[in-house]
Each structure stands twice: as structure tokens, then as C-alpha cells.
Amino acid sequence: MDKFITKFALIADPHYYSEKLGNTGKAYERRAGSDQKMLAQSRGTILAALELIKNSDANFLLIAGDLSNDGERVSHEEMREILYEFKKIMPVYVITATHDWCCDGNPRRYEGDKIYHDVETVPPEELAEFYKDFGISDAVSTFYTHQNKVSYVVRPCDGVSIFCLDDDQDGYGSSGYSDEHFSWIAVQVNEAKKRGDVVFGMQHHHLFLTELQRAINGKGSVDHRINQCTKFTNIDFPVMFTGHSHMQSIRKFVAESGKHFYEINAGSISGYPAPILYCDVYNDGIDIKTEHTENFTHNGKEYTNDFLKNHATALFSDIIKSAAINEKDKFLAVVEAIGLGAEKASKIWIVARPVLKWLDKLTVKKAARIMNFITFGKAIDKKAAKEIADVKVTDMVFSAFCSILDGSLVKHEEGSAYYTVFTQALALPLKIVKKLRIKNGGLIRTLTHIKDAAHEIMTGGPLDNNNWFCEF
């Protein structure tokens, strides 16, 4: 590390939800129960994080988009008041994103078992003016997109130029930048370097895809994102902070030229693991240390980070537990919350209950026996399975899901029994498909990504996703 310049904090995806939109009743409970992040408690998580940042030695705060739950004007107004109060302590620089203008055109409020869609939203063309006091009014340069949304460059101190970029639409049906927009970025990077500034930025949508995301998004999305990484690398833009995925990760991209580019993808501050990134800026890089909101208060009630973790996995665990203890009404409520109607949910209950009840009791020992039986003893290492024989399969699944969100805070060393059993289990579907000589290229590609994801989930991948020095 060379000469220290400044320190800042960064959070992403606050998704502030005004309780005026409803926080009780069947309809709200279904909505809240189907989301990894918090809704009604979002105010509490945000205020707790801001209080920690106030008491840190950070000089300013960056917020990487999705300030509101779904673009509701009342949510924006309440969030802006919070930011005005915080701005008395230190400068705040924000970008907005798709959830800030309700890109799906489906704003909602809840009363009892009813959902209403008469909620006023802030349209995209108003957002720059709405949040002008949080970066835009201090900009040394701005660029307005075809939506009248804004990218801007700020210099919070001598020696640093931060690019706060709106990448909601590239004009071609995807996130990213039009040719004109990226040309402006390239020119401003050049101008910043003439001033002798270090350069980095934030945009909302993440650029790197995990292996699981590759399985879901397909090759086209991957190619699009690699192209964006290459373009930033070619203009010597070394570090980009992002949000959107709600998954904590730090990735390094190396172009064919040998130049590199880092993406720091921050998880949501309103859901597990509620990360705050503290970043020391040096002449030769940014040193990132991630902390988490361990406690928060909402409406007089105390919550912990474990509450956020349990909420994140509740959608899955509630389905399994409700079947295991024969709570049909709870099962139907959870299944309906993810988009299935009452009739379909009832039909699923008949089939799912015995399966889920069995799954709730399934241990590694029993699962390994089944997998080895159907593969003639070739699927799971027997010694490794014996070492963790009593671990419940559902506990492994929930733990893996949390690792995806938190960047593998709990790591399992390659070669350990836990690592071995988990990675072999995720590799089994691909082995079966290949053994059966199935020629479906899309299926094979998807199962390959799932197999490869196991290593990342268990170890976190090649970089520490929460603490890393990103060299320029």
C-alpha cells in the first residue's frame, strides 16, 4: 500500500419500505415471507447501519442503488429524509436503479388479504432532481440517459474521482451503457487522470456471474457482462462497486491485454448479512474491510443478524417444517406467496407433504447411502459421509444458501469431509446425465455450472469476498 488518501463507507440495496403501505395482514405476510430482504423492518436495518457509519472514521458514504422497495413515492420521501439527516454528519453520494422507478410497473400496498396497485411512484425522469442533493449538485460532470436518469463524477477530496453511474438501460434492452454514455465515461476517466486522481466507481447491476448465476442467466448474459468488463479494463478503470444480486463477492477480471478490473458486489443492507464496506483509498489501490449490522431496533423491538439469516432461509425452511408438522395452512400460505394459486398449492400439498416430511429428517448418512446405491458406490466418499453422518441435509442446504449471500463467511477447506460430501452431491446430476449419454447441451452446461458452484460456495472462491486489497 502506498500513500493513504481517504476512507469511505458503502452500502447497497436499502430497499426502503414505508410501513404506510401496510405491514400486517395476510397479503403483506405473504409478500414479506417470499423475500430474502426485510420489508417493514428495512427502516431499522438502514438506521442501524447509518449509526455505525456515523461512529466510524469514514469521510463519506456511497449507496449503490435500489434506495426504495419498489419506487413508491412515500418510500422515497421517507428514505430521503433519513439521508438528509445523515448528510449533517458526512456527504452522501447515491445512484438510483430499477427498483427506484418500479420498472415492472407493479407498485403495491397491502390491507388485510387485499393487494392494491394504486400506489404513486416516482418516475425515472424525476429521480435525478429528487436526489440532486446527494451527489449530483456536487458533480464535476454529468451525463443524462434517454430516461433522464443521471451518471455523474464527484471529487469528495483532492486526488479522488468517483464515477456514480446509472446503468439501468443501455438503449438496447439490457443494463449497461449506450455508446455515447460510455464515451462520456472514457473522456471523464481521461480528465480525472490528467488531474492526477485515482479513479473508481459504482453502478447498480453486477458484472460478474457466479457459477449458479451462469446456470440461470445463460451464455448471452455472460458474454454481455464480459464485454462490459473488457471495456472498463481497456480505459484503465480499475474498480467498480455494485449491488443488485444481494450477494457479497469480490472478483478480479483479467483482460487479454493483461490489465485487470475488480468488481466488489455488496450484499443488501436490508437483508442477511447486512454488510457495510469500509474502504481505505490509497494511491495504488483500495483496501476493503466488511463489517455487518449485528443488531438493530425497529418499533421498539430488538433484532439481531441471526433474525436476518433466519428470514433469508424462511421461505425454504417454512415449507419443509410446515409439512413435517402437518400445518397445511402455513404450507399453503408460503407456497402461494411464491406465485402459485390456492388450487395448485393444495394439489402440491398432497404430494409434497410425505416427501418434505422425509426430507426434514434426512441425514448425510441416509442421503449418502441412497446416492451410493444408485451409483454403485461411486457418488459419495464413504469415509467423509461417516465423519458428518448426523448432519441434516436441510441444514447443509440452508448453510450453503447463506454462504451464497454472505460470501462464504464460514469456509470449508478443500478436502474436508463437509466439502467433499457437498461437492460430490452437486456433481452427481451431471454424472448421471453423462452416464445416460444425454446430449442436451443446455442441460449439461447448467449442471456443469452447478457442479462448479460447489467449490465457490464452500470456500468463497479465489479471493476473500469480504476483505481484500484491490490494487489499481
Protein backbone atom coordinates (compact mmCIF):
# COMPACT_ATOMS: atom_id res chain seq x y z
CA MET A 1 0.00 0.00 0.00
CA ASP A 2 1.24 3.43 -0.94
CA LYS A 3 0.04 6.85 0.25
CA PHE A 4 -3.32 6.93 2.09
CA ILE A 5 -5.87 9.37 0.60
CA THR A 6 -9.29 8.90 2.22
CA LYS A 7 -11.77 6.44 3.70
CA PHE A 8 -15.40 5.87 2.80
CA ALA A 9 -18.27 3.51 3.61
CA LEU A 10 -20.52 1.82 1.07
CA ILE A 11 -23.88 0.09 1.37
CA ALA A 12 -26.16 -1.30 -1.33
CA ASP A 13 -29.82 -2.14 -1.89
CA PRO A 14 -31.53 -0.48 1.10
CA HIS A 15 -34.95 -1.18 -0.48
CA TYR A 16 -36.61 1.17 1.98
CA TYR A 17 -40.26 0.21 2.52
CA SER A 18 -42.72 2.65 4.05
CA GLU A 19 -44.98 0.99 6.59
CA LYS A 20 -47.76 3.28 5.34
CA LEU A 21 -48.05 0.73 2.52
CA GLY A 22 -49.15 -1.90 5.04
CA ASN A 23 -47.25 -4.14 7.43
CA THR A 24 -49.90 -6.54 8.72
CA GLY A 25 -52.46 -8.91 7.29
CA LYS A 26 -52.41 -11.99 5.12
CA ALA A 27 -51.44 -10.23 1.90
CA TYR A 28 -48.49 -8.44 3.50
CA GLU A 29 -47.30 -11.57 5.29
CA ARG A 30 -47.26 -13.47 2.01
CA ARG A 31 -45.24 -10.72 0.35
CA ALA A 32 -42.80 -10.33 3.22
CA GLY A 33 -42.35 -14.09 3.58
CA SER A 34 -41.31 -14.52 -0.03
CA ASP A 35 -38.41 -12.05 0.10
CA GLN A 36 -34.83 -12.53 1.25
CA LYS A 37 -34.62 -8.91 2.39
CA MET A 38 -36.75 -7.28 5.07
CA LEU A 39 -39.72 -5.06 4.24
CA ALA A 40 -41.29 -3.48 7.33
CA GLN A 41 -38.01 -3.70 9.27
CA SER A 42 -35.97 -2.08 6.49
CA ARG A 43 -36.05 1.27 8.29
CA GLY A 44 -34.49 -0.34 11.35
CA THR A 45 -31.69 -2.05 9.43
CA ILE A 46 -30.88 1.13 7.49
CA LEU A 47 -30.83 3.36 10.57
CA ALA A 48 -28.65 0.88 12.46
CA ALA A 49 -26.14 0.76 9.61
CA LEU A 50 -26.04 4.54 9.31
CA GLU A 51 -25.46 4.85 13.05
CA LEU A 52 -22.45 2.53 12.79
CA ILE A 53 -21.11 4.56 9.86
CA LYS A 54 -21.59 7.83 11.77
CA ASN A 55 -19.39 6.45 14.54
CA SER A 56 -16.70 5.20 12.14
CA ASP A 57 -13.80 7.18 10.68
CA ALA A 58 -15.32 7.17 7.18
CA ASN A 59 -15.34 10.55 5.42
CA PHE A 60 -18.32 9.95 3.15
CA LEU A 61 -20.92 7.34 2.19
CA LEU A 62 -21.76 5.71 -1.15
CA ILE A 63 -25.10 3.95 -1.75
CA ALA A 64 -25.20 1.66 -4.78
CA GLY A 65 -28.84 1.85 -5.86
CA ASP A 66 -32.32 0.49 -5.11
CA LEU A 67 -32.97 3.06 -2.42
CA SER A 68 -36.69 2.23 -2.29
CA ASN A 69 -38.58 -1.04 -2.17
CA ASP A 70 -40.33 -0.56 -5.47
CA GLY A 71 -40.32 3.11 -6.44
CA GLU A 72 -43.18 4.15 -4.13
CA ARG A 73 -43.13 7.91 -3.64
CA VAL A 74 -43.83 7.60 0.09
CA SER A 75 -40.86 5.20 0.46
CA HIS A 76 -38.61 7.60 -1.44
CA GLU A 77 -39.73 10.56 0.65
CA GLU A 78 -39.03 8.78 3.92
CA MET A 79 -35.69 7.48 2.69
CA ARG A 80 -34.66 10.96 1.52
CA GLU A 81 -35.45 12.40 4.97
CA ILE A 82 -33.17 9.80 6.53
CA LEU A 83 -30.40 10.77 4.11
CA TYR A 84 -30.85 14.50 4.77
CA GLU A 85 -30.38 13.84 8.47
CA PHE A 86 -27.32 11.67 7.84
CA LYS A 87 -25.85 14.29 5.49
CA LYS A 88 -25.38 16.56 8.51
CA ILE A 89 -22.59 14.17 9.53
CA MET A 90 -20.91 13.45 6.18
CA PRO A 91 -21.52 13.71 2.42
CA VAL A 92 -23.69 11.04 0.76
CA TYR A 93 -23.44 10.04 -2.90
CA VAL A 94 -26.21 7.85 -4.33
CA ILE A 95 -27.27 6.25 -7.56
CA THR A 96 -30.76 5.01 -8.31
CA ALA A 97 -31.76 1.80 -10.06
CA THR A 98 -34.71 -0.17 -11.38
CA HIS A 99 -36.46 -0.61 -8.02
CA ASP A 100 -36.42 3.16 -7.63
CA TRP A 101 -38.80 3.66 -10.55
CA CYS A 102 -40.77 0.42 -10.29
CA CYS A 103 -39.56 -0.99 -13.59
CA ASP A 104 -42.12 -3.80 -13.51
CA GLY A 105 -44.98 -1.30 -13.26
CA ASN A 106 -46.47 -3.14 -10.29
CA PRO A 107 -46.33 -0.97 -7.12
CA ARG A 108 -48.29 -2.46 -4.24
CA ARG A 109 -49.82 -1.74 -0.86
CA TYR A 110 -51.49 -4.22 1.47
CA GLU A 111 -54.66 -4.22 3.55
CA GLY A 112 -55.79 -7.46 5.20
CA ASP A 113 -55.89 -10.08 2.46
CA LYS A 114 -56.08 -7.48 -0.32
CA ILE A 115 -53.36 -6.10 -2.60
CA TYR A 116 -53.87 -2.66 -4.15
CA HIS A 117 -51.97 -1.20 -7.09
CA ASP A 118 -52.93 2.45 -6.69
CA VAL A 119 -49.58 3.46 -5.23
CA GLU A 120 -47.97 6.64 -6.55
CA THR A 121 -44.39 6.10 -7.74
CA VAL A 122 -41.51 8.37 -8.69
CA PRO A 123 -40.95 8.07 -12.46
CA PRO A 124 -37.38 7.68 -13.74
CA GLU A 125 -37.24 11.16 -15.23
CA GLU A 126 -37.79 12.71 -11.76
CA LEU A 127 -35.17 10.77 -9.82
CA ALA A 128 -32.19 12.98 -10.67
CA GLU A 129 -33.98 16.05 -9.35
CA PHE A 130 -35.38 14.14 -6.35
CA TYR A 131 -31.91 13.07 -5.16
CA LYS A 132 -29.89 16.01 -6.51
CA ASP A 133 -28.58 16.91 -3.05
CA PHE A 134 -26.85 13.55 -2.72
CA GLY A 135 -24.08 13.88 -5.27
CA ILE A 136 -25.49 15.41 -8.42
CA SER A 137 -25.31 19.02 -7.20
CA ASP A 138 -21.63 18.46 -6.33
CA ALA A 139 -20.72 16.81 -9.64
CA VAL A 140 -17.80 17.94 -11.79
CA SER A 141 -19.51 16.34 -14.79
CA THR A 142 -22.91 14.76 -15.53
CA PHE A 143 -24.47 12.61 -18.25
CA TYR A 144 -28.23 12.21 -18.68
CA THR A 145 -29.53 8.99 -20.19
CA HIS A 146 -32.51 8.59 -22.50
CA GLN A 147 -34.61 8.11 -19.33
CA ASN A 148 -33.34 11.44 -17.97
CA LYS A 149 -31.52 9.49 -15.26
CA VAL A 150 -28.04 10.69 -14.47
CA SER A 151 -24.46 9.48 -14.19
CA TYR A 152 -22.05 11.86 -12.53
CA VAL A 153 -18.48 12.30 -11.32
CA VAL A 154 -17.64 13.72 -7.90
CA ARG A 155 -14.38 14.64 -6.19
CA PRO A 156 -15.03 14.22 -2.46
CA CYS A 157 -11.43 15.19 -1.81
CA ASP A 158 -8.27 16.03 -3.72
CA GLY A 159 -6.83 13.06 -5.54
CA VAL A 160 -10.05 11.04 -5.96
CA SER A 161 -12.66 10.97 -8.75
CA ILE A 162 -15.66 8.72 -8.14
CA PHE A 163 -17.91 7.70 -11.03
CA CYS A 164 -21.51 7.29 -9.86
CA LEU A 165 -23.03 5.54 -12.87
CA ASP A 166 -26.58 4.82 -13.92
CA ASP A 167 -26.53 1.51 -15.81
CA ASP A 168 -30.26 0.75 -15.76
CA GLN A 169 -30.60 0.68 -19.55
CA ASP A 170 -28.11 0.67 -22.39
CA GLY A 171 -30.70 1.56 -25.02
CA TYR A 172 -30.62 -1.98 -26.44
CA GLY A 173 -32.82 -3.78 -23.92
CA SER A 174 -30.26 -4.59 -21.23
CA SER A 175 -28.41 -2.99 -18.34
CA GLY A 176 -25.23 -1.15 -19.25
CA TYR A 177 -24.30 1.87 -21.32
CA SER A 178 -25.03 3.26 -24.75
CA ASP A 179 -22.03 4.09 -26.93
CA GLU A 180 -22.49 7.78 -26.17
CA HIS A 181 -22.74 7.10 -22.45
CA PHE A 182 -19.59 5.02 -22.37
CA SER A 183 -17.74 7.60 -24.46
CA TRP A 184 -18.55 10.16 -21.77
CA ILE A 185 -17.19 7.77 -19.13
CA ALA A 186 -13.96 7.29 -21.09
CA VAL A 187 -13.49 11.05 -21.53
CA GLN A 188 -14.08 11.70 -17.82
CA VAL A 189 -11.61 8.97 -16.84
CA ASN A 190 -9.01 10.68 -19.01
CA GLU A 191 -9.79 14.07 -17.45
CA ALA A 192 -9.53 12.62 -13.93
CA LYS A 193 -6.15 11.12 -14.67
CA LYS A 194 -4.93 14.44 -16.04
CA ARG A 195 -5.77 15.86 -12.60
CA GLY A 196 -3.72 13.09 -11.02
CA ASP A 197 -6.78 11.48 -9.41
CA VAL A 198 -7.29 7.82 -8.63
CA VAL A 199 -10.44 6.56 -10.34
CA PHE A 200 -13.12 4.10 -9.27
CA GLY A 201 -16.89 3.93 -9.42
CA MET A 202 -20.19 2.34 -8.56
CA GLN A 203 -23.07 1.09 -10.67
CA HIS A 204 -26.04 -0.95 -9.54
CA HIS A 205 -26.00 -4.11 -11.66
CA HIS A 206 -23.28 -6.63 -11.03
CA LEU A 207 -20.91 -7.58 -13.83
CA PHE A 208 -19.56 -10.94 -12.74
CA LEU A 209 -21.78 -14.00 -12.53
CA THR A 210 -21.25 -16.83 -10.08
CA GLU A 211 -21.49 -20.34 -11.49
CA LEU A 212 -25.06 -20.61 -10.16
CA GLN A 213 -25.96 -17.31 -11.85
CA ARG A 214 -24.42 -18.58 -15.07
CA ALA A 215 -26.72 -21.59 -14.87
CA ILE A 216 -29.73 -19.27 -14.59
CA ASN A 217 -28.75 -16.42 -16.92
CA GLY A 218 -27.33 -18.35 -19.84
CA LYS A 219 -24.40 -17.67 -22.15
CA GLY A 220 -25.78 -14.47 -23.71
CA SER A 221 -25.87 -12.64 -20.39
CA VAL A 222 -22.37 -13.83 -19.57
CA ASP A 223 -20.97 -12.56 -22.87
CA HIS A 224 -22.68 -9.19 -22.39
CA ARG A 225 -21.13 -8.75 -18.95
CA ILE A 226 -17.67 -9.86 -20.04
CA ASN A 227 -17.83 -7.26 -22.80
CA GLN A 228 -18.59 -4.55 -20.21
CA CYS A 229 -15.69 -5.69 -18.00
CA THR A 230 -13.37 -5.58 -21.01
CA LYS A 231 -14.46 -2.05 -21.91
CA PHE A 232 -13.77 -0.78 -18.38
CA THR A 233 -10.43 -2.57 -18.28
CA ASN A 234 -9.39 -1.04 -21.60
CA ILE A 235 -9.86 2.51 -20.27
CA ASP A 236 -7.89 1.74 -17.09
CA PHE A 237 -10.95 1.84 -14.85
CA PRO A 238 -9.72 -0.49 -12.08
CA VAL A 239 -12.53 -0.92 -9.50
CA MET A 240 -16.34 -0.95 -9.65
CA PHE A 241 -18.64 -1.31 -6.65
CA THR A 242 -22.02 -2.90 -7.44
CA GLY A 243 -25.18 -4.24 -5.79
CA HIS A 244 -28.32 -5.83 -7.24
CA SER A 245 -27.51 -9.50 -6.59
CA HIS A 246 -27.72 -9.18 -2.76
CA MET A 247 -24.65 -11.45 -2.74
CA GLN A 248 -21.32 -10.43 -1.23
CA SER A 249 -18.41 -11.09 -3.58
CA ILE A 250 -15.11 -9.68 -4.81
CA ARG A 251 -13.99 -10.74 -8.29
CA LYS A 252 -10.98 -9.98 -10.47
CA PHE A 253 -11.20 -9.85 -14.25
CA VAL A 254 -8.05 -10.00 -16.37
CA ALA A 255 -8.35 -8.92 -19.98
CA GLU A 256 -6.35 -10.34 -22.88
CA SER A 257 -4.12 -7.26 -22.62
CA GLY A 258 -3.10 -8.34 -19.13
CA LYS A 259 -4.85 -5.38 -17.47
CA HIS A 260 -7.19 -6.17 -14.60
CA PHE A 261 -10.51 -4.95 -13.23
CA TYR A 262 -12.13 -5.61 -9.84
CA GLU A 263 -15.82 -5.81 -9.08
CA ILE A 264 -16.92 -5.50 -5.45
CA ASN A 265 -20.51 -6.73 -5.23
CA ALA A 266 -22.09 -5.71 -1.91
CA GLY A 267 -24.98 -7.59 -0.37
CA SER A 268 -28.21 -5.84 0.65
CA ILE A 269 -28.10 -3.77 3.82
CA SER A 270 -31.76 -4.69 4.43
CA GLY A 271 -31.25 -8.43 4.44
CA TYR A 272 -28.76 -11.03 5.58
CA PRO A 273 -25.82 -10.45 6.01
CA ALA A 274 -26.41 -6.64 6.13
CA PRO A 275 -22.86 -5.70 5.08
CA ILE A 276 -21.15 -2.34 5.43
CA LEU A 277 -17.99 -1.97 3.34
CA TYR A 278 -15.29 0.28 4.81
CA CYS A 279 -12.79 1.24 2.14
CA ASP A 280 -9.37 2.85 2.61
CA VAL A 281 -8.25 4.54 -0.61
CA TYR A 282 -4.53 4.62 -1.40
CA ASN A 283 -2.62 5.81 -4.43
CA ASP A 284 -2.20 2.21 -5.52
CA GLY A 285 -5.49 0.60 -4.55
CA ILE A 286 -8.48 0.25 -2.22
CA ASP A 287 -8.34 -1.82 0.97
CA ILE A 288 -11.79 -3.24 1.73
CA LYS A 289 -12.97 -4.46 5.11
CA THR A 290 -16.55 -5.69 5.53
CA GLU A 291 -18.49 -5.38 8.76
CA HIS A 292 -22.07 -6.40 9.45
CA THR A 293 -25.02 -4.88 11.25
CA GLU A 294 -25.22 -7.25 14.19
CA ASN A 295 -28.17 -5.62 15.97
CA PHE A 296 -30.96 -3.22 15.12
CA THR A 297 -34.14 -1.83 16.67
CA HIS A 298 -37.44 -1.38 14.90
CA ASN A 299 -40.60 -0.02 16.53
CA GLY A 300 -39.08 -0.62 19.93
CA LYS A 301 -38.22 -4.28 19.27
CA GLU A 302 -34.65 -5.58 19.25
CA TYR A 303 -33.42 -7.77 16.39
CA THR A 304 -30.12 -9.50 15.62
CA ASN A 305 -28.30 -10.52 12.48
CA ASP A 306 -29.49 -14.07 13.15
CA PHE A 307 -33.03 -12.79 12.64
CA LEU A 308 -32.00 -11.65 9.15
CA LYS A 309 -30.40 -15.02 8.47
CA ASN A 310 -33.47 -16.94 9.60
CA HIS A 311 -35.69 -14.71 7.48
CA ALA A 312 -33.49 -15.31 4.43
CA THR A 313 -33.92 -19.07 4.71
CA ALA A 314 -37.52 -18.99 5.98
CA LEU A 315 -39.08 -19.38 2.55
CA PHE A 316 -37.46 -22.81 2.26
CA SER A 317 -37.48 -23.87 5.89
CA ASP A 318 -41.13 -22.91 6.44
CA ILE A 319 -42.24 -25.08 3.52
CA ILE A 320 -40.36 -28.07 4.91
CA LYS A 321 -41.31 -27.56 8.55
CA SER A 322 -44.99 -26.97 7.80
CA ALA A 323 -45.13 -30.31 6.01
CA ALA A 324 -43.16 -32.05 8.73
CA ILE A 325 -45.60 -30.97 11.47
CA ASN A 326 -48.69 -31.18 9.25
CA GLU A 327 -49.54 -27.44 9.20
CA LYS A 328 -51.36 -27.28 5.90
CA ASP A 329 -52.50 -23.66 6.22
CA LYS A 330 -48.94 -22.46 6.75
CA PHE A 331 -47.69 -24.54 3.83
CA LEU A 332 -50.39 -23.14 1.54
CA ALA A 333 -49.63 -19.56 2.60
CA VAL A 334 -45.90 -19.91 1.87
CA VAL A 335 -46.39 -21.70 -1.46
CA GLU A 336 -48.99 -19.17 -2.57
CA ALA A 337 -46.54 -16.38 -1.67
CA ILE A 338 -44.13 -17.55 -4.36
CA GLY A 339 -46.77 -17.22 -7.04
CA LEU A 340 -48.87 -20.39 -7.07
CA GLY A 341 -52.63 -20.16 -6.70
CA ALA A 342 -54.56 -21.78 -3.86
CA GLU A 343 -55.77 -24.67 -6.02
CA LYS A 344 -52.29 -25.61 -7.23
CA ALA A 345 -50.88 -25.21 -3.72
CA SER A 346 -53.47 -27.65 -2.36
CA LYS A 347 -52.62 -30.22 -5.03
CA ILE A 348 -48.92 -29.87 -4.27
CA TRP A 349 -49.59 -30.44 -0.56
CA ILE A 350 -50.92 -33.93 -1.19
CA VAL A 351 -47.72 -34.99 -2.94
CA ALA A 352 -45.22 -32.78 -1.16
CA ARG A 353 -46.11 -33.49 2.47
CA PRO A 354 -44.68 -37.03 2.73
CA VAL A 355 -41.64 -36.09 0.66
CA LEU A 356 -40.88 -32.96 2.69
CA LYS A 357 -41.50 -34.77 5.98
CA TRP A 358 -38.95 -37.35 4.90
CA LEU A 359 -36.54 -34.63 3.74
CA ASP A 360 -36.80 -32.84 7.10
CA LYS A 361 -35.32 -35.92 8.82
CA LEU A 362 -32.81 -36.84 6.12
CA THR A 363 -29.21 -37.01 7.32
CA VAL A 364 -25.98 -37.16 5.36
CA LYS A 365 -25.65 -40.81 6.34
CA LYS A 366 -29.00 -41.74 4.77
CA ALA A 367 -28.58 -39.48 1.75
CA ALA A 368 -25.11 -40.87 1.02
CA ARG A 369 -26.44 -44.43 1.17
CA ILE A 370 -29.16 -43.59 -1.37
CA MET A 371 -26.79 -41.82 -3.75
CA ASN A 372 -24.21 -44.57 -3.49
CA PHE A 373 -26.87 -47.22 -4.05
CA ILE A 374 -27.98 -45.71 -7.35
CA THR A 375 -24.35 -45.18 -8.47
CA PHE A 376 -22.92 -48.48 -7.21
CA GLY A 377 -20.89 -46.73 -4.52
CA LYS A 378 -19.31 -44.12 -6.79
CA ALA A 379 -21.12 -40.91 -5.78
CA ILE A 380 -20.16 -40.04 -2.19
CA ASP A 381 -16.94 -40.80 -0.33
CA LYS A 382 -17.98 -43.20 2.45
CA LYS A 383 -15.31 -42.07 4.90
CA ALA A 384 -16.30 -38.41 4.50
CA ALA A 385 -20.01 -39.23 4.83
CA LYS A 386 -19.36 -41.21 8.01
CA GLU A 387 -17.49 -38.26 9.54
CA ILE A 388 -20.53 -35.97 9.20
CA ALA A 389 -23.16 -38.73 9.24
CA ASP A 390 -25.62 -36.98 11.59
CA VAL A 391 -25.63 -33.61 9.82
CA LYS A 392 -29.08 -32.89 8.39
CA VAL A 393 -29.24 -32.37 4.64
CA THR A 394 -31.54 -29.38 5.08
CA ASP A 395 -29.01 -27.74 7.40
CA MET A 396 -26.36 -28.12 4.70
CA VAL A 397 -28.69 -26.58 2.12
CA PHE A 398 -29.60 -23.60 4.33
CA SER A 399 -25.95 -23.06 5.24
CA ALA A 400 -24.98 -23.12 1.56
CA PHE A 401 -27.67 -20.54 0.75
CA CYS A 402 -26.33 -18.23 3.47
CA SER A 403 -22.81 -18.69 2.11
CA ILE A 404 -24.02 -17.54 -1.30
CA LEU A 405 -25.37 -14.36 0.32
CA ASP A 406 -22.50 -13.61 2.70
CA GLY A 407 -19.55 -14.55 0.50
CA SER A 408 -18.80 -17.71 2.50
CA LEU A 409 -18.13 -16.25 5.93
CA VAL A 410 -18.00 -19.87 7.09
CA LYS A 411 -15.43 -21.60 4.91
CA HIS A 412 -14.87 -25.33 4.48
CA GLU A 413 -11.39 -26.37 3.45
CA GLU A 414 -10.94 -28.36 0.29
CA GLY A 415 -10.58 -31.98 1.27
CA SER A 416 -12.58 -31.73 4.48
CA ALA A 417 -15.48 -34.16 4.96
CA TYR A 418 -18.08 -31.40 4.68
CA TYR A 419 -16.50 -30.03 1.49
CA THR A 420 -16.16 -33.50 -0.03
CA VAL A 421 -19.76 -34.58 0.58
CA PHE A 422 -21.26 -31.29 -0.58
CA THR A 423 -19.22 -31.01 -3.79
CA GLN A 424 -19.78 -34.66 -4.68
CA ALA A 425 -23.53 -34.29 -4.16
CA LEU A 426 -23.70 -31.29 -6.50
CA ALA A 427 -21.62 -33.14 -9.08
CA LEU A 428 -23.94 -36.17 -9.11
CA PRO A 429 -26.64 -34.86 -11.50
CA LEU A 430 -24.02 -34.15 -14.18
CA LYS A 431 -22.50 -37.59 -13.71
CA ILE A 432 -25.89 -39.22 -14.19
CA VAL A 433 -26.65 -37.22 -17.34
CA LYS A 434 -23.29 -38.11 -18.83
CA LYS A 435 -23.66 -41.77 -17.83
CA LEU A 436 -27.02 -41.87 -19.59
CA ARG A 437 -25.40 -40.21 -22.62
CA ILE A 438 -27.96 -37.44 -22.73
CA LYS A 439 -26.91 -34.98 -25.44
CA ASN A 440 -28.84 -31.90 -24.30
CA GLY A 441 -26.18 -29.19 -24.42
CA GLY A 442 -28.15 -26.67 -22.35
CA LEU A 443 -28.79 -29.20 -19.59
CA ILE A 444 -25.16 -30.29 -19.50
CA ARG A 445 -23.99 -26.67 -19.36
CA THR A 446 -26.38 -25.87 -16.50
CA LEU A 447 -25.38 -28.94 -14.48
CA THR A 448 -21.70 -28.15 -15.08
CA HIS A 449 -22.19 -24.67 -13.62
CA ILE A 450 -23.97 -26.19 -10.61
CA LYS A 451 -21.12 -28.65 -10.07
CA ASP A 452 -18.52 -25.87 -10.35
CA ALA A 453 -20.51 -23.64 -7.97
CA ALA A 454 -19.94 -26.07 -5.11
CA HIS A 455 -16.28 -25.08 -4.70
CA GLU A 456 -17.16 -21.36 -4.60
CA ILE A 457 -19.90 -21.92 -2.04
CA MET A 458 -17.69 -23.98 0.25
CA THR A 459 -14.52 -21.87 0.05
CA GLY A 460 -15.64 -18.45 -1.19
CA GLY A 461 -13.58 -18.74 -4.34
CA PRO A 462 -10.10 -17.41 -5.14
CA LEU A 463 -10.48 -14.08 -3.26
CA ASP A 464 -11.77 -13.25 0.21
CA ASN A 465 -15.20 -11.84 -0.62
CA ASN A 466 -15.31 -9.64 2.47
CA ASN A 467 -11.76 -8.37 2.91
CA TRP A 468 -9.38 -7.65 0.08
CA PHE A 469 -6.88 -5.11 -1.26
CA CYS A 470 -7.84 -4.23 -4.84
CA GLU A 471 -4.75 -2.86 -6.49
CA PHE A 472 -5.00 -0.25 -9.23
